[in-house]
Amino acid sequence: MGQKFTEVDGIDFGDGYTLIRVGQTLRFERRGVTLFEFGTAAATAYTQTFATADRTHETDGSAAAAAATATAIAAAAASAAAAATATAIAAAIPAAAPAGGTGATAGAYDTAANRDSAITTINDLRTWAIEVDLDYEAILVDVADIRSKFNTAVTHTTEIDLDYEAILVDVADIRTQFNLLRTTVADVKQLVNSVIDDLQARSLLG
């Protein structure tokens, strides 16, 4: 404005706006309300615990993390194997058949009792063999179910392994971008420190 004024003088800009010098401070008011002031009379000082400062605003090296490569597990988890259908063999192994006659009839069943005993043994062996066969067939069914469940579990586990490897890739990318972002944040903090230092040197900040 080209005007000179003393410590108690001021410049009236009209409409209630006034620039006043108070000591080493310039105060801009409107109708007695301070709008702002600056000078060597500092406001509350900034606390700069981050001491490093520079005047270079580096390019942000970080980028958005890549799209996740890990996916939901599509393969169904294996269910429990079915209850076993094979059972313990209930039929008893029969006792040995009688030895038969002696002399000219050695090895033959020369009495009705021996023949009946042999018949009983044969029938008991047949009963036992039938139950063994049924349980063998049941074991085949049980083993087939176990194989099926095992193969499902292998498929499920294989997919989990692939997704685990994908998660490792995703996490590595996030770590990379995080570290780049930390570098950028540190650079901004240094730049802010330099701005604060410059403003404080000019008595524009506390």
N, C-alpha and C. Protein backbone atom coordinates (compact mmCIF):
# COMPACT_ATOMS: atom_id res chain seq x y z
N MET A 1 0.83 -1.20 0.00
CA MET A 1 0.00 0.00 0.00
C MET A 1 0.86 1.25 0.00
N GLY A 2 2.15 1.13 0.36
CA GLY A 2 3.02 2.31 0.39
C GLY A 2 2.88 3.14 1.64
N GLN A 3 2.12 2.66 2.63
CA GLN A 3 1.93 3.42 3.85
C GLN A 3 2.89 2.97 4.92
N LYS A 4 3.34 3.93 5.76
CA LYS A 4 4.16 3.61 6.91
C LYS A 4 3.28 3.72 8.15
N PHE A 5 3.55 2.87 9.15
CA PHE A 5 2.75 2.95 10.37
C PHE A 5 3.60 2.50 11.55
N THR A 6 3.24 2.96 12.72
CA THR A 6 3.96 2.62 13.94
C THR A 6 3.38 1.35 14.54
N GLU A 7 3.91 0.92 15.72
CA GLU A 7 3.45 -0.33 16.34
C GLU A 7 1.98 -0.28 16.69
N VAL A 8 1.44 0.91 16.90
CA VAL A 8 0.04 0.99 17.28
C VAL A 8 -0.83 1.45 16.13
N ASP A 9 -0.18 1.71 14.98
CA ASP A 9 -0.94 2.12 13.81
C ASP A 9 -1.48 0.91 13.07
N GLY A 10 -2.35 1.15 12.15
CA GLY A 10 -2.86 0.08 11.31
C GLY A 10 -3.31 0.64 9.98
N ILE A 11 -3.65 -0.24 9.07
CA ILE A 11 -4.17 0.16 7.76
C ILE A 11 -5.60 -0.32 7.68
N ASP A 12 -6.47 0.59 7.37
CA ASP A 12 -7.91 0.26 7.25
C ASP A 12 -8.21 0.01 5.78
N PHE A 13 -8.63 -1.21 5.48
CA PHE A 13 -8.94 -1.58 4.09
C PHE A 13 -10.42 -1.39 3.77
N GLY A 14 -11.16 -0.89 4.75
CA GLY A 14 -12.58 -0.72 4.54
C GLY A 14 -13.38 -1.95 4.87
N ASP A 15 -14.67 -1.76 5.08
CA ASP A 15 -15.59 -2.85 5.41
C ASP A 15 -15.13 -3.63 6.64
N GLY A 16 -14.41 -2.93 7.53
CA GLY A 16 -14.02 -3.54 8.79
C GLY A 16 -12.72 -4.30 8.74
N TYR A 17 -12.05 -4.39 7.56
CA TYR A 17 -10.80 -5.11 7.44
C TYR A 17 -9.65 -4.19 7.80
N THR A 18 -8.78 -4.68 8.72
CA THR A 18 -7.68 -3.86 9.20
C THR A 18 -6.43 -4.70 9.34
N LEU A 19 -5.29 -4.12 8.92
CA LEU A 19 -3.98 -4.75 9.13
C LEU A 19 -3.28 -3.97 10.21
N ILE A 20 -2.92 -4.64 11.30
CA ILE A 20 -2.34 -3.97 12.47
C ILE A 20 -1.01 -4.61 12.79
N ARG A 21 -0.02 -3.76 13.15
CA ARG A 21 1.25 -4.28 13.63
C ARG A 21 1.27 -4.17 15.15
N VAL A 22 1.51 -5.32 15.78
CA VAL A 22 1.61 -5.35 17.24
C VAL A 22 2.97 -5.94 17.57
N GLY A 23 3.92 -5.10 17.99
CA GLY A 23 5.28 -5.58 18.22
C GLY A 23 5.86 -6.08 16.92
N GLN A 24 6.29 -7.35 16.90
CA GLN A 24 6.87 -7.94 15.70
C GLN A 24 5.84 -8.78 14.92
N THR A 25 4.60 -8.61 15.29
CA THR A 25 3.55 -9.42 14.67
C THR A 25 2.62 -8.55 13.84
N LEU A 26 2.24 -9.07 12.65
CA LEU A 26 1.22 -8.42 11.84
C LEU A 26 -0.07 -9.21 12.01
N ARG A 27 -1.14 -8.45 12.32
CA ARG A 27 -2.43 -9.09 12.58
C ARG A 27 -3.45 -8.53 11.61
N PHE A 28 -4.16 -9.45 10.94
CA PHE A 28 -5.20 -9.03 10.01
C PHE A 28 -6.55 -9.32 10.67
N GLU A 29 -7.36 -8.25 10.84
CA GLU A 29 -8.62 -8.38 11.56
C GLU A 29 -9.78 -7.91 10.71
N ARG A 30 -10.94 -8.33 11.12
CA ARG A 30 -12.18 -7.77 10.57
C ARG A 30 -13.13 -7.50 11.72
N ARG A 31 -13.34 -6.22 11.92
CA ARG A 31 -14.22 -5.78 13.00
C ARG A 31 -13.80 -6.37 14.35
N GLY A 32 -12.52 -6.30 14.61
CA GLY A 32 -11.99 -6.73 15.91
C GLY A 32 -11.74 -8.21 16.03
N VAL A 33 -12.10 -9.01 15.01
CA VAL A 33 -11.87 -10.46 15.06
C VAL A 33 -10.62 -10.79 14.25
N THR A 34 -9.64 -11.46 14.90
CA THR A 34 -8.39 -11.80 14.22
C THR A 34 -8.64 -12.91 13.20
N LEU A 35 -8.30 -12.60 11.94
CA LEU A 35 -8.43 -13.60 10.89
C LEU A 35 -7.16 -14.43 10.79
N PHE A 36 -6.02 -13.79 10.84
CA PHE A 36 -4.74 -14.49 10.93
C PHE A 36 -3.68 -13.50 11.32
N GLU A 37 -2.56 -14.03 11.81
CA GLU A 37 -1.43 -13.19 12.13
C GLU A 37 -0.15 -13.97 11.90
N PHE A 38 0.90 -13.23 11.60
CA PHE A 38 2.18 -13.87 11.38
C PHE A 38 3.28 -12.91 11.79
N GLY A 39 4.45 -13.48 12.05
CA GLY A 39 5.57 -12.70 12.50
C GLY A 39 6.46 -13.52 13.40
N THR A 40 7.33 -12.88 14.14
CA THR A 40 8.25 -13.62 15.00
C THR A 40 7.60 -14.08 16.30
N ALA A 41 6.45 -13.55 16.62
CA ALA A 41 5.74 -14.03 17.80
C ALA A 41 5.08 -15.35 17.42
N ALA A 42 5.75 -16.47 17.69
CA ALA A 42 5.33 -17.77 17.17
C ALA A 42 4.14 -18.34 17.93
N ALA A 43 3.33 -19.09 17.18
CA ALA A 43 2.26 -19.85 17.81
C ALA A 43 2.88 -21.11 18.41
N THR A 44 2.05 -22.05 18.81
CA THR A 44 2.56 -23.29 19.38
C THR A 44 3.52 -23.96 18.41
N ALA A 45 4.69 -24.33 18.88
CA ALA A 45 5.73 -24.87 18.01
C ALA A 45 5.35 -26.27 17.53
N TYR A 46 5.75 -26.59 16.31
CA TYR A 46 5.59 -27.95 15.79
C TYR A 46 6.61 -28.86 16.45
N THR A 47 6.20 -30.09 16.74
CA THR A 47 7.13 -31.08 17.27
C THR A 47 7.51 -32.03 16.15
N GLN A 48 8.75 -32.01 15.76
CA GLN A 48 9.22 -32.82 14.63
C GLN A 48 10.08 -33.97 15.16
N THR A 49 9.40 -35.05 15.56
CA THR A 49 10.14 -36.22 16.05
C THR A 49 10.77 -36.99 14.90
N PHE A 50 10.24 -36.79 13.69
CA PHE A 50 10.87 -37.36 12.50
C PHE A 50 11.84 -36.32 11.98
N ALA A 51 13.13 -36.54 12.24
CA ALA A 51 14.11 -35.47 12.07
C ALA A 51 14.62 -35.30 10.65
N THR A 52 14.57 -36.34 9.84
CA THR A 52 15.15 -36.25 8.51
C THR A 52 14.34 -35.31 7.63
N ALA A 53 15.04 -34.51 6.84
CA ALA A 53 14.36 -33.57 5.94
C ALA A 53 15.09 -33.53 4.61
N ASP A 54 14.34 -33.40 3.54
CA ASP A 54 14.95 -33.13 2.24
C ASP A 54 13.96 -32.34 1.39
N ARG A 55 14.42 -31.86 0.25
CA ARG A 55 13.58 -31.03 -0.61
C ARG A 55 13.26 -31.71 -1.94
N THR A 56 13.43 -33.02 -1.98
CA THR A 56 13.14 -33.77 -3.20
C THR A 56 11.89 -34.59 -3.00
N HIS A 57 10.89 -34.32 -3.80
CA HIS A 57 9.65 -35.09 -3.72
C HIS A 57 9.74 -36.23 -4.73
N GLU A 58 10.09 -37.43 -4.23
CA GLU A 58 10.32 -38.56 -5.12
C GLU A 58 9.02 -39.07 -5.72
N THR A 59 9.17 -39.76 -6.85
CA THR A 59 8.01 -40.41 -7.48
C THR A 59 7.53 -41.56 -6.59
N ASP A 60 6.23 -41.69 -6.47
CA ASP A 60 5.66 -42.79 -5.69
C ASP A 60 5.95 -44.10 -6.43
N GLY A 61 6.74 -44.95 -5.81
CA GLY A 61 7.10 -46.22 -6.45
C GLY A 61 6.09 -47.32 -6.21
N SER A 62 5.13 -47.09 -5.33
CA SER A 62 4.16 -48.14 -5.04
C SER A 62 3.06 -48.16 -6.08
N ALA A 63 2.35 -49.27 -6.10
CA ALA A 63 1.21 -49.42 -7.00
C ALA A 63 0.17 -50.29 -6.31
N ALA A 64 -1.00 -50.31 -6.87
CA ALA A 64 -2.04 -51.17 -6.30
C ALA A 64 -1.56 -52.62 -6.35
N ALA A 65 -1.84 -53.34 -5.29
CA ALA A 65 -1.47 -54.75 -5.28
C ALA A 65 -2.16 -55.48 -6.43
N ALA A 66 -1.47 -56.45 -6.98
CA ALA A 66 -2.04 -57.21 -8.09
C ALA A 66 -3.30 -57.94 -7.63
N ALA A 67 -4.16 -58.23 -8.59
CA ALA A 67 -5.37 -58.99 -8.27
C ALA A 67 -4.98 -60.33 -7.67
N ALA A 68 -5.76 -60.75 -6.70
CA ALA A 68 -5.46 -62.01 -6.02
C ALA A 68 -5.50 -63.16 -7.01
N THR A 69 -4.53 -64.05 -6.89
CA THR A 69 -4.52 -65.25 -7.74
C THR A 69 -5.10 -66.45 -7.01
N ALA A 70 -5.11 -66.39 -5.68
CA ALA A 70 -5.73 -67.48 -4.92
C ALA A 70 -7.24 -67.41 -5.10
N THR A 71 -7.87 -68.55 -5.23
CA THR A 71 -9.31 -68.61 -5.44
C THR A 71 -9.95 -69.49 -4.37
N ALA A 72 -11.25 -69.46 -4.35
CA ALA A 72 -11.97 -70.34 -3.43
C ALA A 72 -11.72 -71.80 -3.83
N ILE A 73 -11.72 -72.67 -2.86
CA ILE A 73 -11.51 -74.09 -3.14
C ILE A 73 -12.78 -74.66 -3.77
N ALA A 74 -12.66 -75.06 -5.03
CA ALA A 74 -13.84 -75.59 -5.73
C ALA A 74 -14.05 -77.07 -5.44
N ALA A 75 -12.96 -77.80 -5.29
CA ALA A 75 -13.09 -79.24 -5.07
C ALA A 75 -13.76 -79.51 -3.72
N ALA A 76 -14.67 -80.45 -3.75
CA ALA A 76 -15.38 -80.78 -2.51
C ALA A 76 -14.46 -81.54 -1.57
N ALA A 77 -14.61 -81.26 -0.30
CA ALA A 77 -13.85 -82.01 0.70
C ALA A 77 -14.38 -83.44 0.76
N ALA A 78 -13.48 -84.36 0.97
CA ALA A 78 -13.91 -85.76 1.04
C ALA A 78 -14.77 -85.99 2.26
N SER A 79 -15.82 -86.77 2.08
CA SER A 79 -16.66 -87.13 3.22
C SER A 79 -16.07 -88.35 3.90
N ALA A 80 -16.58 -88.64 5.06
CA ALA A 80 -16.08 -89.81 5.79
C ALA A 80 -16.43 -91.09 5.02
N ALA A 81 -15.56 -92.05 5.10
CA ALA A 81 -15.84 -93.34 4.46
C ALA A 81 -17.09 -93.95 5.08
N ALA A 82 -17.82 -94.66 4.25
CA ALA A 82 -19.05 -95.30 4.74
C ALA A 82 -18.71 -96.34 5.80
N ALA A 83 -19.69 -96.62 6.63
CA ALA A 83 -19.50 -97.66 7.65
C ALA A 83 -19.19 -98.99 6.98
N ALA A 84 -18.29 -99.72 7.58
CA ALA A 84 -17.90 -101.01 7.00
C ALA A 84 -19.10 -101.94 6.90
N THR A 85 -19.18 -102.64 5.76
CA THR A 85 -20.27 -103.61 5.60
C THR A 85 -19.78 -105.03 5.89
N ALA A 86 -18.47 -105.24 5.80
CA ALA A 86 -17.94 -106.55 6.16
C ALA A 86 -18.05 -106.77 7.67
N THR A 87 -18.34 -107.97 8.06
CA THR A 87 -18.51 -108.27 9.49
C THR A 87 -17.62 -109.44 9.87
N ALA A 88 -17.53 -109.67 11.14
CA ALA A 88 -16.77 -110.84 11.60
C ALA A 88 -17.47 -112.11 11.16
N ILE A 89 -16.69 -113.16 10.90
CA ILE A 89 -17.25 -114.44 10.47
C ILE A 89 -17.90 -115.12 11.67
N ALA A 90 -19.22 -115.24 11.58
CA ALA A 90 -19.94 -115.83 12.72
C ALA A 90 -19.88 -117.36 12.70
N ALA A 91 -19.88 -117.93 11.49
CA ALA A 91 -19.89 -119.40 11.40
C ALA A 91 -18.57 -119.95 11.92
N ALA A 92 -18.69 -121.03 12.73
CA ALA A 92 -17.49 -121.66 13.29
C ALA A 92 -16.89 -122.64 12.30
N ILE A 93 -15.58 -122.71 12.28
CA ILE A 93 -14.92 -123.72 11.45
C ILE A 93 -15.22 -125.08 12.06
N PRO A 94 -15.78 -126.01 11.28
CA PRO A 94 -16.18 -127.30 11.88
C PRO A 94 -14.99 -128.15 12.28
N ALA A 95 -15.26 -129.11 13.14
CA ALA A 95 -14.22 -130.05 13.55
C ALA A 95 -13.90 -130.99 12.39
N ALA A 96 -12.75 -131.63 12.46
CA ALA A 96 -12.35 -132.54 11.38
C ALA A 96 -13.31 -133.73 11.29
N ALA A 97 -13.51 -134.20 10.09
CA ALA A 97 -14.37 -135.39 9.88
C ALA A 97 -13.67 -136.63 10.46
N PRO A 98 -14.43 -137.68 10.78
CA PRO A 98 -13.82 -138.90 11.33
C PRO A 98 -12.88 -139.55 10.31
N ALA A 99 -11.93 -140.35 10.83
CA ALA A 99 -10.89 -140.93 9.98
C ALA A 99 -11.40 -142.04 9.08
N GLY A 100 -12.52 -142.65 9.42
CA GLY A 100 -13.03 -143.74 8.60
C GLY A 100 -12.72 -145.10 9.21
N GLY A 101 -12.85 -146.17 8.41
CA GLY A 101 -12.69 -147.54 8.92
C GLY A 101 -11.23 -147.96 9.03
N THR A 102 -11.06 -149.23 9.28
CA THR A 102 -9.72 -149.81 9.39
C THR A 102 -9.62 -151.02 8.47
N GLY A 103 -8.42 -151.49 8.27
CA GLY A 103 -8.22 -152.69 7.44
C GLY A 103 -8.62 -152.42 6.01
N ALA A 104 -9.45 -153.31 5.44
CA ALA A 104 -9.87 -153.18 4.05
C ALA A 104 -10.70 -151.94 3.81
N THR A 105 -11.32 -151.40 4.89
CA THR A 105 -12.18 -150.22 4.74
C THR A 105 -11.48 -148.95 5.25
N ALA A 106 -10.16 -149.01 5.39
CA ALA A 106 -9.44 -147.82 5.87
C ALA A 106 -9.70 -146.64 4.94
N GLY A 107 -10.02 -145.50 5.52
CA GLY A 107 -10.31 -144.30 4.74
C GLY A 107 -11.73 -144.22 4.27
N ALA A 108 -12.50 -145.25 4.44
CA ALA A 108 -13.89 -145.23 4.00
C ALA A 108 -14.77 -144.96 5.20
N TYR A 109 -15.96 -144.47 4.92
CA TYR A 109 -16.92 -144.22 6.00
C TYR A 109 -17.84 -145.45 6.07
N ASP A 110 -17.38 -146.44 6.84
CA ASP A 110 -18.06 -147.72 6.84
C ASP A 110 -19.17 -147.84 7.85
N THR A 111 -19.43 -146.73 8.53
CA THR A 111 -20.56 -146.75 9.47
C THR A 111 -21.44 -145.55 9.20
N ALA A 112 -22.71 -145.70 9.54
CA ALA A 112 -23.66 -144.58 9.34
C ALA A 112 -23.26 -143.37 10.16
N ALA A 113 -22.74 -143.65 11.35
CA ALA A 113 -22.34 -142.54 12.22
C ALA A 113 -21.21 -141.74 11.59
N ASN A 114 -20.24 -142.45 11.03
CA ASN A 114 -19.13 -141.74 10.37
C ASN A 114 -19.62 -140.95 9.16
N ARG A 115 -20.52 -141.59 8.40
CA ARG A 115 -21.05 -140.90 7.22
C ARG A 115 -21.81 -139.66 7.63
N ASP A 116 -22.65 -139.77 8.67
CA ASP A 116 -23.39 -138.60 9.15
C ASP A 116 -22.46 -137.50 9.64
N SER A 117 -21.40 -137.91 10.33
CA SER A 117 -20.43 -136.94 10.83
C SER A 117 -19.74 -136.22 9.67
N ALA A 118 -19.39 -136.98 8.62
CA ALA A 118 -18.75 -136.36 7.45
C ALA A 118 -19.69 -135.38 6.77
N ILE A 119 -20.96 -135.79 6.65
CA ILE A 119 -21.95 -134.91 6.02
C ILE A 119 -22.09 -133.61 6.80
N THR A 120 -22.15 -133.74 8.12
CA THR A 120 -22.25 -132.54 8.96
C THR A 120 -21.06 -131.62 8.74
N THR A 121 -19.86 -132.22 8.71
CA THR A 121 -18.65 -131.42 8.50
C THR A 121 -18.69 -130.70 7.16
N ILE A 122 -19.10 -131.43 6.12
CA ILE A 122 -19.17 -130.83 4.77
C ILE A 122 -20.15 -129.66 4.76
N ASN A 123 -21.31 -129.84 5.35
CA ASN A 123 -22.31 -128.77 5.36
C ASN A 123 -21.85 -127.55 6.17
N ASP A 124 -21.19 -127.86 7.30
CA ASP A 124 -20.66 -126.74 8.10
C ASP A 124 -19.59 -125.96 7.33
N LEU A 125 -18.75 -126.72 6.61
CA LEU A 125 -17.74 -126.04 5.78
C LEU A 125 -18.39 -125.18 4.71
N ARG A 126 -19.49 -125.68 4.14
CA ARG A 126 -20.20 -124.91 3.11
C ARG A 126 -20.76 -123.62 3.72
N THR A 127 -21.39 -123.74 4.92
CA THR A 127 -21.94 -122.55 5.59
C THR A 127 -20.84 -121.53 5.86
N TRP A 128 -19.71 -122.03 6.34
CA TRP A 128 -18.58 -121.13 6.65
C TRP A 128 -18.06 -120.45 5.38
N ALA A 129 -17.94 -121.23 4.27
CA ALA A 129 -17.43 -120.70 3.01
C ALA A 129 -18.36 -119.63 2.45
N ILE A 130 -19.67 -119.87 2.58
CA ILE A 130 -20.64 -118.89 2.07
C ILE A 130 -20.49 -117.56 2.83
N GLU A 131 -20.33 -117.64 4.16
CA GLU A 131 -20.19 -116.40 4.93
C GLU A 131 -18.88 -115.70 4.61
N VAL A 132 -17.81 -116.47 4.42
CA VAL A 132 -16.54 -115.87 4.02
C VAL A 132 -16.69 -115.15 2.68
N ASP A 133 -17.38 -115.78 1.73
CA ASP A 133 -17.57 -115.18 0.41
C ASP A 133 -18.37 -113.89 0.51
N LEU A 134 -19.44 -113.88 1.33
CA LEU A 134 -20.25 -112.68 1.47
C LEU A 134 -19.43 -111.53 2.09
N ASP A 135 -18.62 -111.88 3.09
CA ASP A 135 -17.80 -110.85 3.71
C ASP A 135 -16.69 -110.37 2.77
N TYR A 136 -16.21 -111.28 1.93
CA TYR A 136 -15.22 -110.86 0.93
C TYR A 136 -15.84 -109.85 -0.03
N GLU A 137 -17.05 -110.13 -0.49
CA GLU A 137 -17.74 -109.19 -1.38
C GLU A 137 -17.97 -107.84 -0.67
N ALA A 138 -18.31 -107.90 0.62
CA ALA A 138 -18.52 -106.67 1.38
C ALA A 138 -17.20 -105.89 1.52
N ILE A 139 -16.10 -106.62 1.70
CA ILE A 139 -14.80 -105.96 1.80
C ILE A 139 -14.48 -105.23 0.49
N LEU A 140 -14.80 -105.85 -0.64
CA LEU A 140 -14.58 -105.20 -1.93
C LEU A 140 -15.34 -103.87 -2.01
N VAL A 141 -16.59 -103.88 -1.53
CA VAL A 141 -17.39 -102.64 -1.52
C VAL A 141 -16.74 -101.60 -0.61
N ASP A 142 -16.33 -102.03 0.59
CA ASP A 142 -15.70 -101.11 1.54
C ASP A 142 -14.43 -100.50 0.96
N VAL A 143 -13.60 -101.34 0.34
CA VAL A 143 -12.34 -100.86 -0.23
C VAL A 143 -12.62 -99.88 -1.37
N ALA A 144 -13.62 -100.17 -2.20
CA ALA A 144 -13.97 -99.26 -3.30
C ALA A 144 -14.40 -97.90 -2.77
N ASP A 145 -15.17 -97.89 -1.67
CA ASP A 145 -15.60 -96.62 -1.07
C ASP A 145 -14.40 -95.85 -0.51
N ILE A 146 -13.50 -96.57 0.15
CA ILE A 146 -12.30 -95.92 0.69
C ILE A 146 -11.46 -95.33 -0.44
N ARG A 147 -11.30 -96.08 -1.53
CA ARG A 147 -10.54 -95.57 -2.68
C ARG A 147 -11.18 -94.30 -3.24
N SER A 148 -12.50 -94.32 -3.35
CA SER A 148 -13.20 -93.14 -3.88
C SER A 148 -12.99 -91.93 -2.98
N LYS A 149 -13.15 -92.14 -1.66
CA LYS A 149 -12.96 -91.03 -0.72
C LYS A 149 -11.51 -90.55 -0.74
N PHE A 150 -10.59 -91.48 -0.87
CA PHE A 150 -9.17 -91.12 -0.91
C PHE A 150 -8.89 -90.26 -2.13
N ASN A 151 -9.41 -90.66 -3.30
CA ASN A 151 -9.17 -89.89 -4.53
C ASN A 151 -9.78 -88.49 -4.43
N THR A 152 -10.96 -88.40 -3.80
CA THR A 152 -11.56 -87.07 -3.60
C THR A 152 -10.68 -86.23 -2.70
N ALA A 153 -10.14 -86.84 -1.65
CA ALA A 153 -9.26 -86.11 -0.74
C ALA A 153 -7.99 -85.65 -1.45
N VAL A 154 -7.46 -86.47 -2.34
CA VAL A 154 -6.27 -86.09 -3.11
C VAL A 154 -6.56 -84.88 -3.98
N THR A 155 -7.72 -84.90 -4.67
CA THR A 155 -8.11 -83.77 -5.52
C THR A 155 -8.25 -82.50 -4.70
N HIS A 156 -8.91 -82.63 -3.56
CA HIS A 156 -9.12 -81.47 -2.68
C HIS A 156 -7.79 -80.93 -2.16
N THR A 157 -6.93 -81.83 -1.74
CA THR A 157 -5.62 -81.43 -1.21
C THR A 157 -4.77 -80.78 -2.28
N THR A 158 -4.83 -81.32 -3.49
CA THR A 158 -4.06 -80.74 -4.60
C THR A 158 -4.50 -79.30 -4.87
N GLU A 159 -5.81 -79.06 -4.85
CA GLU A 159 -6.29 -77.70 -5.08
C GLU A 159 -5.89 -76.76 -3.94
N ILE A 160 -5.95 -77.27 -2.71
CA ILE A 160 -5.50 -76.47 -1.57
C ILE A 160 -4.03 -76.09 -1.74
N ASP A 161 -3.22 -77.04 -2.18
CA ASP A 161 -1.80 -76.76 -2.38
C ASP A 161 -1.59 -75.68 -3.44
N LEU A 162 -2.34 -75.76 -4.54
CA LEU A 162 -2.21 -74.75 -5.60
C LEU A 162 -2.61 -73.37 -5.09
N ASP A 163 -3.71 -73.32 -4.32
CA ASP A 163 -4.15 -72.04 -3.78
C ASP A 163 -3.18 -71.52 -2.72
N TYR A 164 -2.57 -72.41 -1.98
CA TYR A 164 -1.56 -71.99 -1.00
C TYR A 164 -0.39 -71.33 -1.72
N GLU A 165 0.06 -71.94 -2.82
CA GLU A 165 1.15 -71.35 -3.59
C GLU A 165 0.73 -69.98 -4.14
N ALA A 166 -0.53 -69.88 -4.58
CA ALA A 166 -1.01 -68.60 -5.09
C ALA A 166 -1.06 -67.55 -3.99
N ILE A 167 -1.44 -67.97 -2.79
CA ILE A 167 -1.47 -67.03 -1.65
C ILE A 167 -0.07 -66.51 -1.37
N LEU A 168 0.93 -67.37 -1.46
CA LEU A 168 2.31 -66.93 -1.24
C LEU A 168 2.69 -65.84 -2.24
N VAL A 169 2.27 -66.01 -3.50
CA VAL A 169 2.55 -64.99 -4.52
C VAL A 169 1.83 -63.70 -4.18
N ASP A 170 0.55 -63.80 -3.78
CA ASP A 170 -0.23 -62.61 -3.44
C ASP A 170 0.39 -61.86 -2.27
N VAL A 171 0.78 -62.61 -1.24
CA VAL A 171 1.37 -61.97 -0.05
C VAL A 171 2.70 -61.31 -0.41
N ALA A 172 3.49 -61.96 -1.25
CA ALA A 172 4.77 -61.37 -1.66
C ALA A 172 4.55 -60.05 -2.39
N ASP A 173 3.51 -59.99 -3.24
CA ASP A 173 3.22 -58.74 -3.96
C ASP A 173 2.77 -57.66 -2.99
N ILE A 174 1.91 -58.03 -2.03
CA ILE A 174 1.46 -57.05 -1.04
C ILE A 174 2.64 -56.53 -0.23
N ARG A 175 3.56 -57.42 0.15
CA ARG A 175 4.74 -56.99 0.90
C ARG A 175 5.57 -56.01 0.08
N THR A 176 5.73 -56.31 -1.20
CA THR A 176 6.52 -55.42 -2.07
C THR A 176 5.89 -54.03 -2.13
N GLN A 177 4.56 -54.00 -2.38
CA GLN A 177 3.89 -52.69 -2.49
C GLN A 177 3.88 -51.96 -1.15
N PHE A 178 3.77 -52.70 -0.06
CA PHE A 178 3.79 -52.07 1.26
C PHE A 178 5.14 -51.40 1.51
N ASN A 179 6.22 -52.11 1.18
CA ASN A 179 7.55 -51.54 1.39
C ASN A 179 7.78 -50.31 0.50
N LEU A 180 7.28 -50.36 -0.75
CA LEU A 180 7.39 -49.19 -1.62
C LEU A 180 6.59 -48.02 -1.06
N LEU A 181 5.42 -48.34 -0.51
CA LEU A 181 4.59 -47.29 0.07
C LEU A 181 5.26 -46.68 1.30
N ARG A 182 5.92 -47.51 2.10
CA ARG A 182 6.65 -46.99 3.25
C ARG A 182 7.73 -45.99 2.80
N THR A 183 8.41 -46.32 1.70
CA THR A 183 9.42 -45.41 1.17
C THR A 183 8.79 -44.09 0.76
N THR A 184 7.62 -44.17 0.13
CA THR A 184 6.93 -42.94 -0.30
C THR A 184 6.50 -42.12 0.90
N VAL A 185 5.96 -42.77 1.92
CA VAL A 185 5.52 -42.05 3.12
C VAL A 185 6.71 -41.37 3.80
N ALA A 186 7.84 -42.08 3.87
CA ALA A 186 9.04 -41.49 4.48
C ALA A 186 9.49 -40.27 3.70
N ASP A 187 9.40 -40.35 2.36
CA ASP A 187 9.79 -39.21 1.53
C ASP A 187 8.88 -38.01 1.77
N VAL A 188 7.57 -38.27 1.87
CA VAL A 188 6.63 -37.18 2.13
C VAL A 188 6.91 -36.55 3.50
N LYS A 189 7.20 -37.40 4.49
CA LYS A 189 7.50 -36.87 5.82
C LYS A 189 8.75 -35.98 5.79
N GLN A 190 9.75 -36.38 5.04
CA GLN A 190 10.95 -35.56 4.92
C GLN A 190 10.64 -34.24 4.23
N LEU A 191 9.80 -34.32 3.19
CA LEU A 191 9.43 -33.09 2.48
C LEU A 191 8.64 -32.15 3.39
N VAL A 192 7.72 -32.71 4.18
CA VAL A 192 6.95 -31.89 5.12
C VAL A 192 7.88 -31.25 6.13
N ASN A 193 8.87 -31.99 6.60
CA ASN A 193 9.84 -31.42 7.54
C ASN A 193 10.56 -30.22 6.92
N SER A 194 10.94 -30.35 5.67
CA SER A 194 11.63 -29.24 5.02
C SER A 194 10.72 -28.02 4.90
N VAL A 195 9.44 -28.25 4.58
CA VAL A 195 8.49 -27.14 4.48
C VAL A 195 8.33 -26.46 5.84
N ILE A 196 8.20 -27.28 6.89
CA ILE A 196 8.07 -26.71 8.24
C ILE A 196 9.32 -25.91 8.59
N ASP A 197 10.50 -26.48 8.30
CA ASP A 197 11.75 -25.78 8.60
C ASP A 197 11.81 -24.44 7.88
N ASP A 198 11.41 -24.46 6.60
CA ASP A 198 11.47 -23.21 5.83
C ASP A 198 10.49 -22.17 6.38
N LEU A 199 9.29 -22.61 6.71
CA LEU A 199 8.30 -21.67 7.24
C LEU A 199 8.72 -21.14 8.61
N GLN A 200 9.30 -22.03 9.43
CA GLN A 200 9.78 -21.57 10.73
C GLN A 200 10.94 -20.57 10.57
N ALA A 201 11.80 -20.83 9.59
CA ALA A 201 12.93 -19.90 9.38
C ALA A 201 12.46 -18.52 8.97
N ARG A 202 11.26 -18.46 8.38
CA ARG A 202 10.70 -17.18 7.98
C ARG A 202 9.67 -16.65 8.97
N SER A 203 9.64 -17.30 10.15
CA SER A 203 8.74 -16.89 11.22
C SER A 203 7.26 -17.00 10.82
N LEU A 204 6.96 -17.90 9.88
CA LEU A 204 5.58 -18.09 9.45
C LEU A 204 4.90 -19.23 10.21
N LEU A 205 5.72 -20.02 10.91
CA LEU A 205 5.19 -21.10 11.74
C LEU A 205 5.92 -21.09 13.07
N GLY A 206 5.24 -21.71 14.07
CA GLY A 206 5.89 -21.80 15.38
C GLY A 206 6.93 -22.89 15.41
